[in-house]
Amino acid sequence: MLVENRITGFPVIDDDWKLVGLVSDYDLLALDSISGGGLADNNMFPEVDSTWKTFNEVQKLLSKTNGQVIGDLMTPAPVVVRETTNLEDAARLLLETKYRRLPVVDVDGKLVGIITRGNVVRAALQIKRETEQKA
């Protein structure tokens, strides 16, 4: 499902929607590598319309977890931005770190969204177009 939808990570939240961690594609690849490898050699990123193959590959990966839970796999206490953080600061943080995404939390630490590098690029292009149209 992650591969098919081009999702490179997802947040982990508790019952109150408070962010407790992130799982990235890197975490999943590291799990595969540590647990004996194989998926990278067998085409981790399957061909288009290969739903069954994708299901089987993910199933193989999950079978290697040896009882691990998401909490064992995730990156705890990730870098976050608040709802009130301006786009420029969020963009700078994405550029200065290795992160592809930043969780957005409210004042209570509850997850309200995720901002990605792609979101920042699209916003910058939109601002540029609007500025050029006004000129």
Protein backbone atom coordinates (compact mmCIF):
# COMPACT_ATOMS: atom_id res chain seq x y z
CA MET A 1 0.00 0.00 0.00
CA LEU A 2 2.82 2.41 0.83
CA VAL A 3 4.59 1.74 -2.45
CA GLU A 4 1.42 1.90 -4.54
CA ASN A 5 0.44 5.27 -3.08
CA ARG A 6 4.00 6.65 -3.09
CA ILE A 7 3.92 7.15 0.67
CA THR A 8 7.41 7.38 2.13
CA GLY A 9 6.43 7.43 5.78
CA PHE A 10 3.61 7.75 8.24
CA PRO A 11 2.99 9.18 11.71
CA VAL A 12 2.40 7.06 14.79
CA ILE A 13 -0.15 8.52 17.20
CA ASP A 14 -1.60 7.47 20.52
CA ASP A 15 -5.29 7.17 21.38
CA ASP A 16 -5.50 10.94 21.95
CA TRP A 17 -4.00 11.76 18.52
CA LYS A 18 -0.76 12.89 20.13
CA LEU A 19 2.26 12.23 17.94
CA VAL A 20 4.60 9.62 19.40
CA GLY A 21 6.81 8.86 16.40
CA LEU A 22 7.33 8.43 12.67
CA VAL A 23 7.96 5.40 10.49
CA SER A 24 9.83 6.10 7.25
CA ASP A 25 10.65 4.09 4.17
CA TYR A 26 14.21 4.08 5.52
CA ASP A 27 12.99 2.37 8.71
CA LEU A 28 11.28 -0.32 6.63
CA LEU A 29 14.37 -0.86 4.47
CA ALA A 30 16.55 -1.03 7.59
CA LEU A 31 14.21 -3.64 9.05
CA ASP A 32 14.54 -5.68 5.87
CA SER A 33 18.32 -5.37 5.91
CA ILE A 34 18.70 -6.26 9.60
CA SER A 35 16.28 -9.16 9.36
CA GLY A 36 18.17 -10.92 6.59
CA GLY A 37 17.51 -8.82 3.51
CA GLY A 38 16.00 -10.03 0.34
CA LEU A 39 13.37 -7.48 -0.59
CA ALA A 40 15.83 -5.02 -2.05
CA ASP A 41 17.22 -7.85 -4.16
CA ASN A 42 13.74 -8.95 -5.22
CA ASN A 43 12.51 -5.55 -6.40
CA MET A 44 11.23 -3.71 -3.33
CA PHE A 45 9.40 -1.32 -5.63
CA PRO A 46 7.18 -3.52 -7.80
CA GLU A 47 5.90 -2.84 -11.27
CA VAL A 48 2.69 -0.94 -11.91
CA ASP A 49 -0.49 -3.03 -11.48
CA SER A 50 1.26 -5.68 -9.44
CA THR A 51 -0.99 -5.48 -6.39
CA TRP A 52 -0.60 -9.14 -5.50
CA LYS A 53 3.19 -8.93 -5.76
CA THR A 54 3.20 -5.84 -3.54
CA PHE A 55 1.04 -7.62 -0.98
CA ASN A 56 3.38 -10.61 -0.94
CA GLU A 57 6.51 -8.46 -0.57
CA VAL A 58 5.04 -6.46 2.32
CA GLN A 59 3.84 -9.70 3.91
CA LYS A 60 7.39 -11.11 3.69
CA LEU A 61 8.79 -7.96 5.27
CA LEU A 62 6.30 -8.03 8.13
CA SER A 63 6.96 -11.72 8.77
CA LYS A 64 10.58 -10.79 9.54
CA THR A 65 9.65 -8.51 12.44
CA ASN A 66 9.95 -11.33 15.00
CA GLY A 67 7.29 -9.86 17.27
CA GLN A 68 8.42 -6.27 16.92
CA VAL A 69 5.77 -3.60 17.15
CA ILE A 70 5.62 -0.22 15.45
CA GLY A 71 7.07 1.35 18.59
CA ASP A 72 10.26 -0.68 18.05
CA LEU A 73 10.54 0.44 14.44
CA MET A 74 9.52 4.10 14.59
CA THR A 75 11.66 7.15 15.20
CA PRO A 76 10.40 8.46 18.55
CA ALA A 77 10.02 12.17 19.36
CA PRO A 78 10.43 13.43 15.78
CA VAL A 79 11.10 17.04 14.86
CA VAL A 80 7.73 18.80 14.49
CA VAL A 81 6.32 22.19 13.55
CA ARG A 82 3.32 23.91 15.07
CA GLU A 83 0.23 25.05 13.20
CA THR A 84 1.47 28.61 13.61
CA THR A 85 4.92 27.98 12.07
CA ASN A 86 5.33 30.03 8.90
CA LEU A 87 6.08 28.30 5.62
CA GLU A 88 9.56 29.83 5.33
CA ASP A 89 10.65 28.39 8.69
CA ALA A 90 9.20 24.97 7.85
CA ALA A 91 10.96 25.01 4.47
CA ARG A 92 14.26 25.96 6.09
CA LEU A 93 13.90 23.10 8.57
CA LEU A 94 13.20 20.61 5.76
CA LEU A 95 16.22 21.86 3.80
CA GLU A 96 18.58 21.84 6.79
CA THR A 97 17.69 18.32 7.90
CA LYS A 98 17.48 14.91 6.28
CA TYR A 99 13.73 14.81 6.79
CA ARG A 100 11.28 14.55 3.90
CA ARG A 101 8.30 15.44 6.03
CA LEU A 102 7.48 17.30 9.22
CA PRO A 103 4.47 16.48 11.36
CA VAL A 104 2.32 19.50 12.19
CA VAL A 105 0.94 19.53 15.73
CA ASP A 106 -1.37 21.83 17.68
CA VAL A 107 -0.57 23.38 21.07
CA ASP A 108 -1.51 20.11 22.80
CA GLY A 109 0.87 18.07 20.64
CA LYS A 110 -1.96 16.48 18.67
CA LEU A 111 -1.24 15.67 15.04
CA VAL A 112 -3.14 17.96 12.67
CA GLY A 113 -1.20 17.36 9.46
CA ILE A 114 2.09 16.72 7.71
CA ILE A 115 4.09 19.10 5.55
CA THR A 116 6.42 17.57 2.98
CA ARG A 117 9.20 18.85 0.76
CA GLY A 118 6.76 18.51 -2.13
CA ASN A 119 4.24 20.73 -0.34
CA VAL A 120 6.90 23.41 0.10
CA VAL A 121 7.99 23.25 -3.55
CA ARG A 122 4.38 23.49 -4.76
CA ALA A 123 3.69 26.45 -2.46
CA ALA A 124 6.85 28.24 -3.60
CA LEU A 125 5.92 27.73 -7.27
CA GLN A 126 2.40 28.98 -6.64
CA ILE A 127 3.70 32.10 -4.90
CA LYS A 128 6.13 32.71 -7.77
CA ARG A 129 3.36 32.36 -10.37
CA GLU A 130 1.07 34.70 -8.46
CA THR A 131 3.87 37.27 -8.15
CA GLU A 132 4.62 37.06 -11.88
CA GLN A 133 0.94 37.47 -12.77
CA LYS A 134 0.69 40.64 -10.67
CA ALA A 135 3.73 42.18 -12.39
